[in-house]
Amino acid sequence: MIRDRSILVTGGAGFIGSHLVDRLIDYNRVTVLDNFSSGKAEHIEDHLKNPNFTLVEGDLLDRKAVEAALKGCDLVFHLAANPDVKVGAEDSKTHLHQNVIATYNLLESMEASGRRRDRLHLHLDRLRRGWDHPDPGGIRHAPPTSIY
């Protein structure tokens, strides 16, 4: 269990991010950076009055918002991304900006603020159809349904 840390959770108002915040908030100071493009305020509303919780409503494409959210944080969970897979097939610039460039901005802001990159935890989610394709090691994995 992580304790006594100051943690930034990007995408913390999303389904997965908000559950992580729920687990971390009792023993840590948690800052959520979210632009609410897919996250929901109701996922984090129980924490808004908690003195160990800070909400920064902003976008990872805005370096000033990222730098503000990083202030004082010593650990980062990066869960923000555009979750709409279909958009990437139709408009690759959306995923380029909201997933790749946003992550780049976070890494650059961490570097500029003196945060070590080994303090970053990424969430890589794979959408799956079924569990019928073994990998070379014999472990059965589902084929991805995402274009990634």
C-alpha atoms as a PDB file:
ATOM      1  CA  MET A   1       0.000   0.000   0.000  1.00  0.00           C
ATOM      2  CA  ILE A   2       1.269   3.449  -0.913  1.00  0.00           C
ATOM      3  CA  ARG A   3       1.252   5.825   2.064  1.00  0.00           C
ATOM      4  CA  ASP A   4       2.227   9.384   2.903  1.00  0.00           C
ATOM      5  CA  ARG A   5       2.846  10.452  -0.679  1.00  0.00           C
ATOM      6  CA  SER A   6       1.684  13.362  -2.776  1.00  0.00           C
ATOM      7  CA  ILE A   7       0.228  11.770  -5.899  1.00  0.00           C
ATOM      8  CA  LEU A   8      -0.976  13.151  -9.214  1.00  0.00           C
ATOM      9  CA  VAL A   9      -3.593  11.048 -11.024  1.00  0.00           C
ATOM     10  CA  THR A  10      -4.189  12.208 -14.586  1.00  0.00           C
ATOM     11  CA  GLY A  11      -7.621  11.174 -15.784  1.00  0.00           C
ATOM     12  CA  GLY A  12      -8.634  10.806 -12.157  1.00  0.00           C
ATOM     13  CA  ALA A  13     -12.306  11.548 -12.876  1.00  0.00           C
ATOM     14  CA  GLY A  14     -12.534   8.642 -15.283  1.00  0.00           C
ATOM     15  CA  PHE A  15     -13.861   5.243 -14.286  1.00  0.00           C
ATOM     16  CA  ILE A  16     -10.482   3.605 -13.628  1.00  0.00           C
ATOM     17  CA  GLY A  17      -8.778   6.769 -12.357  1.00  0.00           C
ATOM     18  CA  SER A  18     -11.518   7.522  -9.859  1.00  0.00           C
ATOM     19  CA  HIS A  19     -11.285   4.015  -8.410  1.00  0.00           C
ATOM     20  CA  LEU A  20      -7.544   4.494  -7.991  1.00  0.00           C
ATOM     21  CA  VAL A  21      -8.212   7.805  -6.231  1.00  0.00           C
ATOM     22  CA  ASP A  22     -10.683   6.012  -3.934  1.00  0.00           C
ATOM     23  CA  ARG A  23      -7.909   3.606  -2.896  1.00  0.00           C
ATOM     24  CA  LEU A  24      -5.191   6.242  -2.491  1.00  0.00           C
ATOM     25  CA  ILE A  25      -7.001   9.104  -0.765  1.00  0.00           C
ATOM     26  CA  ASP A  26      -7.144   7.682   2.773  1.00  0.00           C
ATOM     27  CA  TYR A  27      -3.359   7.521   3.165  1.00  0.00           C
ATOM     28  CA  ASN A  28      -2.056  10.120   0.686  1.00  0.00           C
ATOM     29  CA  ARG A  29      -2.506  13.591  -0.724  1.00  0.00           C
ATOM     30  CA  VAL A  30      -4.065  13.186  -4.166  1.00  0.00           C
ATOM     31  CA  THR A  31      -4.288  15.684  -6.995  1.00  0.00           C
ATOM     32  CA  VAL A  32      -6.483  14.872  -9.976  1.00  0.00           C
ATOM     33  CA  LEU A  33      -5.844  16.496 -13.345  1.00  0.00           C
ATOM     34  CA  ASP A  34      -8.783  15.935 -15.682  1.00  0.00           C
ATOM     35  CA  ASN A  35     -10.360  17.833 -18.574  1.00  0.00           C
ATOM     36  CA  PHE A  36     -13.688  15.996 -18.139  1.00  0.00           C
ATOM     37  CA  SER A  37     -13.865  15.067 -21.817  1.00  0.00           C
ATOM     38  CA  SER A  38     -14.857  11.569 -20.747  1.00  0.00           C
ATOM     39  CA  GLY A  39     -14.402  11.672 -16.957  1.00  0.00           C
ATOM     40  CA  LYS A  40     -17.324  12.560 -14.734  1.00  0.00           C
ATOM     41  CA  ALA A  41     -17.466  14.873 -11.737  1.00  0.00           C
ATOM     42  CA  GLU A  42     -19.738  12.377  -9.976  1.00  0.00           C
ATOM     43  CA  HIS A  43     -16.857   9.881  -9.883  1.00  0.00           C
ATOM     44  CA  ILE A  44     -14.865  12.147  -7.564  1.00  0.00           C
ATOM     45  CA  GLU A  45     -17.514  14.290  -5.882  1.00  0.00           C
ATOM     46  CA  ASP A  46     -17.150  12.438  -2.568  1.00  0.00           C
ATOM     47  CA  HIS A  47     -13.555  13.682  -2.349  1.00  0.00           C
ATOM     48  CA  LEU A  48     -14.075  17.366  -3.162  1.00  0.00           C
ATOM     49  CA  LYS A  49     -14.271  18.410   0.516  1.00  0.00           C
ATOM     50  CA  ASN A  50     -11.416  16.138   1.605  1.00  0.00           C
ATOM     51  CA  PRO A  51      -8.393  18.277   2.605  1.00  0.00           C
ATOM     52  CA  ASN A  52      -6.104  15.630   1.057  1.00  0.00           C
ATOM     53  CA  PHE A  53      -7.753  16.049  -2.363  1.00  0.00           C
ATOM     54  CA  THR A  54      -7.097  18.679  -5.013  1.00  0.00           C
ATOM     55  CA  LEU A  55      -8.841  18.922  -8.355  1.00  0.00           C
ATOM     56  CA  VAL A  56      -7.111  20.652 -11.246  1.00  0.00           C
ATOM     57  CA  GLU A  57      -9.541  20.954 -14.112  1.00  0.00           C
ATOM     58  CA  GLY A  58      -7.263  21.165 -17.103  1.00  0.00           C
ATOM     59  CA  ASP A  59      -5.850  19.420 -20.118  1.00  0.00           C
ATOM     60  CA  LEU A  60      -2.537  17.638 -20.550  1.00  0.00           C
ATOM     61  CA  LEU A  61      -2.137  19.616 -23.778  1.00  0.00           C
ATOM     62  CA  ASP A  62      -1.827  22.750 -21.598  1.00  0.00           C
ATOM     63  CA  ARG A  63       1.675  22.661 -20.116  1.00  0.00           C
ATOM     64  CA  LYS A  64       0.806  25.315 -17.499  1.00  0.00           C
ATOM     65  CA  ALA A  65      -2.068  23.179 -16.199  1.00  0.00           C
ATOM     66  CA  VAL A  66       0.224  20.145 -16.079  1.00  0.00           C
ATOM     67  CA  GLU A  67       2.934  22.063 -14.243  1.00  0.00           C
ATOM     68  CA  ALA A  68       0.376  23.405 -11.745  1.00  0.00           C
ATOM     69  CA  ALA A  69      -0.961  19.905 -11.085  1.00  0.00           C
ATOM     70  CA  LEU A  70       2.559  18.500 -10.618  1.00  0.00           C
ATOM     71  CA  LYS A  71       3.517  21.024  -7.916  1.00  0.00           C
ATOM     72  CA  GLY A  72       4.446  19.125  -4.791  1.00  0.00           C
ATOM     73  CA  CYS A  73       3.688  15.688  -6.243  1.00  0.00           C
ATOM     74  CA  ASP A  74       6.261  12.937  -5.921  1.00  0.00           C
ATOM     75  CA  LEU A  75       4.398  10.163  -7.747  1.00  0.00           C
ATOM     76  CA  VAL A  76       2.295  10.201 -10.922  1.00  0.00           C
ATOM     77  CA  PHE A  77      -0.292   7.734 -12.203  1.00  0.00           C
ATOM     78  CA  HIS A  78      -1.004   8.607 -15.831  1.00  0.00           C
ATOM     79  CA  LEU A  79      -4.464   7.314 -16.744  1.00  0.00           C
ATOM     80  CA  ALA A  80      -5.651  10.139 -19.000  1.00  0.00           C
ATOM     81  CA  ALA A  81      -6.327   9.285 -22.633  1.00  0.00           C
ATOM     82  CA  ASN A  82      -9.018   9.454 -25.246  1.00  0.00           C
ATOM     83  CA  PRO A  83     -10.850   6.180 -24.612  1.00  0.00           C
ATOM     84  CA  ASP A  84     -12.930   6.287 -27.794  1.00  0.00           C
ATOM     85  CA  VAL A  85     -11.111   3.797 -30.009  1.00  0.00           C
ATOM     86  CA  LYS A  86     -13.347   4.460 -33.015  1.00  0.00           C
ATOM     87  CA  VAL A  87     -12.223   8.097 -33.128  1.00  0.00           C
ATOM     88  CA  GLY A  88      -8.627   6.984 -33.739  1.00  0.00           C
ATOM     89  CA  ALA A  89      -9.617   5.077 -36.849  1.00  0.00           C
ATOM     90  CA  GLU A  90     -11.555   8.051 -38.194  1.00  0.00           C
ATOM     91  CA  ASP A  91      -9.398  10.930 -36.932  1.00  0.00           C
ATOM     92  CA  SER A  92      -5.876   9.894 -36.000  1.00  0.00           C
ATOM     93  CA  LYS A  93      -4.954  13.474 -35.002  1.00  0.00           C
ATOM     94  CA  THR A  94      -7.300  13.225 -32.026  1.00  0.00           C
ATOM     95  CA  HIS A  95      -5.386  10.254 -30.615  1.00  0.00           C
ATOM     96  CA  LEU A  96      -2.048  11.773 -31.555  1.00  0.00           C
ATOM     97  CA  HIS A  97      -2.824  14.895 -29.535  1.00  0.00           C
ATOM     98  CA  GLN A  98      -4.844  13.451 -26.655  1.00  0.00           C
ATOM     99  CA  ASN A  99      -2.737  10.349 -26.102  1.00  0.00           C
ATOM    100  CA  VAL A 100       0.783  10.822 -27.479  1.00  0.00           C
ATOM    101  CA  ILE A 101       1.383  14.566 -27.214  1.00  0.00           C
ATOM    102  CA  ALA A 102      -0.462  14.747 -23.896  1.00  0.00           C
ATOM    103  CA  THR A 103       1.837  12.038 -22.485  1.00  0.00           C
ATOM    104  CA  TYR A 104       4.863  13.831 -23.932  1.00  0.00           C
ATOM    105  CA  ASN A 105       3.759  17.064 -22.216  1.00  0.00           C
ATOM    106  CA  LEU A 106       3.461  15.224 -18.911  1.00  0.00           C
ATOM    107  CA  LEU A 107       6.937  13.700 -19.255  1.00  0.00           C
ATOM    108  CA  GLU A 108       8.484  17.028 -20.268  1.00  0.00           C
ATOM    109  CA  SER A 109       6.755  18.814 -17.378  1.00  0.00           C
ATOM    110  CA  MET A 110       7.987  16.171 -14.969  1.00  0.00           C
ATOM    111  CA  GLU A 111      11.521  16.602 -16.277  1.00  0.00           C
ATOM    112  CA  ALA A 112      11.325  20.403 -16.051  1.00  0.00           C
ATOM    113  CA  SER A 113      10.056  20.223 -12.469  1.00  0.00           C
ATOM    114  CA  GLY A 114      12.778  17.808 -11.397  1.00  0.00           C
ATOM    115  CA  ARG A 115      10.413  14.820 -11.084  1.00  0.00           C
ATOM    116  CA  ARG A 116      12.104  11.575 -11.998  1.00  0.00           C
ATOM    117  CA  ARG A 117      10.445   9.620 -14.763  1.00  0.00           C
ATOM    118  CA  ASP A 118      10.727   6.416 -12.776  1.00  0.00           C
ATOM    119  CA  ARG A 119       8.018   7.894 -10.554  1.00  0.00           C
ATOM    120  CA  LEU A 120       5.508   7.599 -13.406  1.00  0.00           C
ATOM    121  CA  HIS A 121       3.073   4.722 -13.673  1.00  0.00           C
ATOM    122  CA  LEU A 122       1.293   4.339 -16.986  1.00  0.00           C
ATOM    123  CA  HIS A 123      -1.946   2.536 -17.574  1.00  0.00           C
ATOM    124  CA  LEU A 124      -1.978   0.632 -20.850  1.00  0.00           C
ATOM    125  CA  ASP A 125      -5.416  -0.768 -21.431  1.00  0.00           C
ATOM    126  CA  ARG A 126      -6.105  -3.352 -24.116  1.00  0.00           C
ATOM    127  CA  LEU A 127      -9.605  -4.090 -25.248  1.00  0.00           C
ATOM    128  CA  ARG A 128     -10.156  -7.777 -25.892  1.00  0.00           C
ATOM    129  CA  ARG A 129     -12.681  -9.955 -27.743  1.00  0.00           C
ATOM    130  CA  GLY A 130     -12.074 -13.483 -26.527  1.00  0.00           C
ATOM    131  CA  TRP A 131      -9.379 -15.634 -24.965  1.00  0.00           C
ATOM    132  CA  ASP A 132      -8.490 -18.005 -27.757  1.00  0.00           C
ATOM    133  CA  HIS A 133      -5.017 -17.114 -29.112  1.00  0.00           C
ATOM    134  CA  PRO A 134      -1.979 -18.477 -27.223  1.00  0.00           C
ATOM    135  CA  ASP A 135       1.257 -16.495 -27.376  1.00  0.00           C
ATOM    136  CA  PRO A 136       4.557 -18.232 -28.220  1.00  0.00           C
ATOM    137  CA  GLY A 137       5.016 -19.128 -24.553  1.00  0.00           C
ATOM    138  CA  GLY A 138       1.714 -21.009 -24.505  1.00  0.00           C
ATOM    139  CA  ILE A 139      -0.161 -18.392 -22.479  1.00  0.00           C
ATOM    140  CA  ARG A 140      -3.627 -17.747 -23.843  1.00  0.00           C
ATOM    141  CA  HIS A 141      -4.367 -14.114 -24.665  1.00  0.00           C
ATOM    142  CA  ALA A 142      -7.351 -12.545 -26.331  1.00  0.00           C
ATOM    143  CA  PRO A 143      -6.816 -10.773 -29.631  1.00  0.00           C
ATOM    144  CA  PRO A 144      -7.111  -6.987 -29.332  1.00  0.00           C
ATOM    145  CA  THR A 145     -10.264  -5.317 -30.610  1.00  0.00           C
ATOM    146  CA  SER A 146      -8.482  -1.959 -30.646  1.00  0.00           C
ATOM    147  CA  ILE A 147      -6.635  -0.625 -33.673  1.00  0.00           C
ATOM    148  CA  TYR A 148      -3.593  -0.388 -31.409  1.00  0.00           C
END
